[in-house]
Amino acid sequence: MEQGVYESFKKGSDQEIRSLYQSYSVSFVNYISKAFKCDQMLARDIYPEAFSIVYFNIRNGKLTPPLKSSIQTYLNSTGWNLYHRRHLDKYQRDKLPLEDIDTEPETKSMVDEILMQKERGQHVRSLLEKIGEPCKNILVQIYIHESGYKDLSATMNVPEATLRKRKFDCLAKMRKLMDELKLEL
């Protein structure tokens, strides 16, 4: 296990974290684009969130040594799951034949799910208000309005790479706030 890398994640300075962020990005993008035969831009879109998840799992003690795999492997598998959830699961659901779709789900579980979604939505709205602008605007545009980086960078007059970095920083800020408030979504 890369003990030095793990320690950098756990207690590293912002400069060390940025350096790790950059050092893992090329391998991650190559892995995702090859695994899913997708455009590298799509893989780059997922990278900040995957890195953030692994980073906070280490910082919060959810991922501790001795690890069975390298941090790069955890990062790649996190990206694989994110890509799969965002792009393939939706595609597969859209392709189900009508007879395979349960048309009469249990009412109680539906109500519980709706209430849980509303509660999560209220937490997310509250967190967005607390992190403030420009983070709120960036995250809303990317995740709610599903704006692409190219369109958003033109609208905000900011380079795409800067926008990706800001998104990563905003997600980190939001996760830190979630930890402080002891929220889980």
Protein backbone atom coordinates (compact mmCIF):
# COMPACT_ATOMS: atom_id res chain seq x y z
CA MET A 1 0.00 0.00 0.00
CA GLU A 2 1.27 3.45 -0.78
CA GLN A 3 1.53 4.55 2.86
CA GLY A 4 2.99 7.95 1.93
CA VAL A 5 0.15 8.65 -0.47
CA TYR A 6 -2.39 7.53 2.11
CA GLU A 7 -0.85 9.88 4.69
CA SER A 8 -0.92 12.73 2.17
CA PHE A 9 -4.63 12.14 1.67
CA LYS A 10 -5.22 11.85 5.41
CA LYS A 11 -3.27 14.88 6.61
CA GLY A 12 -1.89 16.53 3.50
CA SER A 13 -1.77 20.19 2.69
CA ASP A 14 -3.86 21.68 -0.10
CA GLN A 15 -0.78 21.64 -2.34
CA GLU A 16 -0.20 17.92 -1.72
CA ILE A 17 -3.86 17.14 -2.43
CA ARG A 18 -3.76 19.15 -5.67
CA SER A 19 -0.61 17.31 -6.69
CA LEU A 20 -2.27 13.93 -6.00
CA TYR A 21 -5.39 15.11 -7.85
CA GLN A 22 -3.31 15.86 -10.94
CA SER A 23 -1.14 12.75 -10.69
CA TYR A 24 -4.09 10.32 -10.68
CA SER A 25 -6.18 12.10 -13.34
CA VAL A 26 -4.52 10.79 -16.52
CA SER A 27 -4.66 7.15 -15.43
CA PHE A 28 -8.27 7.55 -14.28
CA VAL A 29 -9.43 9.19 -17.52
CA ASN A 30 -7.67 6.53 -19.60
CA TYR A 31 -9.23 3.73 -17.53
CA ILE A 32 -12.81 5.05 -17.68
CA SER A 33 -12.67 5.98 -21.37
CA LYS A 34 -11.25 2.57 -22.25
CA ALA A 35 -13.55 0.57 -19.93
CA PHE A 36 -16.72 2.21 -21.24
CA LYS A 37 -15.48 3.15 -24.71
CA CYS A 38 -16.52 6.73 -24.00
CA ASP A 39 -15.16 10.16 -24.77
CA GLN A 40 -12.34 11.30 -22.47
CA MET A 41 -14.31 14.46 -21.68
CA LEU A 42 -17.02 12.31 -20.13
CA ALA A 43 -14.41 10.56 -17.98
CA ARG A 44 -12.95 13.94 -16.96
CA ASP A 45 -16.42 15.05 -15.86
CA ILE A 46 -16.61 12.15 -13.41
CA TYR A 47 -13.06 12.45 -12.07
CA PRO A 48 -13.56 15.34 -9.58
CA GLU A 49 -16.44 13.58 -7.87
CA ALA A 50 -14.64 10.21 -7.76
CA PHE A 51 -11.50 11.83 -6.34
CA SER A 52 -13.59 13.70 -3.79
CA ILE A 53 -15.34 10.51 -2.65
CA VAL A 54 -12.06 8.63 -2.16
CA TYR A 55 -10.46 11.65 -0.48
CA PHE A 56 -13.27 12.05 2.05
CA ASN A 57 -13.51 8.30 2.66
CA ILE A 58 -9.85 8.38 3.68
CA ARG A 59 -10.19 11.60 5.69
CA ASN A 60 -13.26 10.26 7.53
CA GLY A 61 -11.71 6.89 8.30
CA LYS A 62 -13.98 4.83 6.04
CA LEU A 63 -10.96 3.69 4.03
CA THR A 64 -8.08 2.70 6.32
CA PRO A 65 -4.87 0.73 5.97
CA PRO A 66 -4.10 -1.97 5.30
CA LEU A 67 -5.90 -1.62 1.99
CA LYS A 68 -6.32 -4.65 -0.25
CA SER A 69 -5.75 -2.51 -3.36
CA SER A 70 -3.98 0.69 -4.31
CA ILE A 71 -5.62 4.08 -3.97
CA GLN A 72 -5.62 4.29 -7.78
CA THR A 73 -7.68 1.09 -7.88
CA TYR A 74 -10.19 2.49 -5.37
CA LEU A 75 -10.36 5.69 -7.38
CA ASN A 76 -10.94 3.81 -10.63
CA SER A 77 -13.65 1.61 -9.12
CA THR A 78 -15.38 4.67 -7.65
CA GLY A 79 -15.33 6.24 -11.11
CA TRP A 80 -16.60 3.02 -12.64
CA ASN A 81 -19.57 3.02 -10.24
CA LEU A 82 -20.31 6.70 -10.86
CA TYR A 83 -20.20 6.26 -14.62
CA HIS A 84 -22.36 3.16 -14.42
CA ARG A 85 -24.98 4.86 -12.22
CA ARG A 86 -25.14 8.01 -14.33
CA HIS A 87 -25.02 6.61 -17.81
CA LEU A 88 -25.64 2.89 -17.99
CA ASP A 89 -28.29 2.34 -15.30
CA LYS A 90 -30.50 5.04 -16.84
CA TYR A 91 -29.96 3.55 -20.29
CA GLN A 92 -30.85 0.05 -19.08
CA ARG A 93 -34.02 1.27 -17.30
CA ASP A 94 -35.13 3.06 -20.45
CA LYS A 95 -34.68 -0.17 -22.43
CA LEU A 96 -36.80 -2.43 -20.18
CA PRO A 97 -39.85 -3.92 -21.89
CA LEU A 98 -43.11 -2.74 -20.37
CA GLU A 99 -44.02 -6.20 -19.06
CA ASP A 100 -40.83 -6.22 -16.95
CA ILE A 101 -41.78 -3.03 -15.14
CA ASP A 102 -43.69 -3.50 -11.90
CA THR A 103 -46.81 -1.42 -12.37
CA GLU A 104 -48.16 -1.91 -8.85
CA PRO A 105 -45.36 -1.27 -6.35
CA GLU A 106 -46.23 -1.28 -2.69
CA THR A 107 -47.83 2.01 -1.73
CA LYS A 108 -46.13 2.22 1.66
CA SER A 109 -42.62 1.84 0.24
CA MET A 110 -43.41 4.43 -2.45
CA VAL A 111 -44.56 6.91 0.18
CA ASP A 112 -41.45 6.24 2.30
CA GLU A 113 -39.21 6.76 -0.72
CA ILE A 114 -40.95 10.01 -1.65
CA LEU A 115 -40.59 11.31 1.91
CA MET A 116 -36.91 10.35 1.98
CA GLN A 117 -36.32 12.11 -1.34
CA LYS A 118 -38.04 15.25 -0.07
CA GLU A 119 -35.92 15.21 3.08
CA ARG A 120 -32.74 14.74 1.05
CA GLY A 121 -33.81 17.58 -1.23
CA GLN A 122 -34.32 19.86 1.76
CA HIS A 123 -30.86 18.95 3.09
CA VAL A 124 -29.26 19.60 -0.30
CA ARG A 125 -31.05 22.97 -0.66
CA SER A 126 -29.92 23.92 2.83
CA LEU A 127 -26.32 22.91 2.08
CA LEU A 128 -26.35 24.85 -1.20
CA GLU A 129 -27.53 27.96 0.64
CA LYS A 130 -24.80 27.56 3.25
CA ILE A 131 -21.93 27.10 0.78
CA GLY A 132 -23.07 30.22 -1.06
CA GLU A 133 -22.11 31.60 -4.44
CA PRO A 134 -20.44 30.82 -6.82
CA CYS A 135 -20.46 27.18 -5.61
CA LYS A 136 -24.24 27.07 -5.45
CA ASN A 137 -24.55 28.29 -9.04
CA ILE A 138 -21.91 25.90 -10.39
CA LEU A 139 -23.39 22.81 -8.69
CA VAL A 140 -26.97 23.71 -9.62
CA GLN A 141 -25.98 24.25 -13.25
CA ILE A 142 -24.03 20.99 -13.46
CA TYR A 143 -26.23 18.64 -11.43
CA ILE A 144 -29.74 20.05 -11.66
CA HIS A 145 -29.80 21.76 -15.03
CA GLU A 146 -27.29 19.22 -16.40
CA SER A 147 -25.32 21.93 -18.18
CA GLY A 148 -22.19 20.78 -19.96
CA TYR A 149 -18.82 22.27 -19.07
CA LYS A 150 -18.44 23.80 -22.52
CA ASP A 151 -21.74 25.72 -22.30
CA LEU A 152 -21.19 26.67 -18.68
CA SER A 153 -17.65 27.91 -19.31
CA ALA A 154 -18.93 30.12 -22.13
CA THR A 155 -21.76 31.46 -19.95
CA MET A 156 -19.49 32.11 -16.97
CA ASN A 157 -16.54 33.22 -19.14
CA VAL A 158 -14.24 30.78 -17.33
CA PRO A 159 -11.99 28.09 -18.87
CA GLU A 160 -13.37 24.54 -18.64
CA ALA A 161 -10.39 23.32 -16.58
CA THR A 162 -10.97 26.08 -14.04
CA LEU A 163 -14.65 25.20 -13.89
CA ARG A 164 -13.84 21.53 -13.23
CA LYS A 165 -11.47 22.53 -10.42
CA ARG A 166 -14.09 24.85 -8.92
CA LYS A 167 -16.64 22.02 -9.03
CA PHE A 168 -14.19 19.77 -7.16
CA ASP A 169 -13.55 22.50 -4.56
CA CYS A 170 -17.28 23.13 -4.17
CA LEU A 171 -18.00 19.43 -3.65
CA ALA A 172 -15.22 19.29 -1.07
CA LYS A 173 -16.69 22.33 0.68
CA MET A 174 -20.13 20.71 0.66
CA ARG A 175 -18.81 17.40 2.03
CA LYS A 176 -16.93 19.23 4.78
CA LEU A 177 -20.13 21.04 5.73
CA MET A 178 -21.99 17.71 5.72
CA ASP A 179 -19.37 16.29 8.09
CA GLU A 180 -19.66 19.30 10.40
CA LEU A 181 -23.46 19.00 10.46
CA LYS A 182 -23.26 15.18 10.64
CA LEU A 183 -25.56 14.81 7.61
CA GLU A 184 -25.75 11.76 5.38
CA LEU A 185 -27.67 11.90 2.14
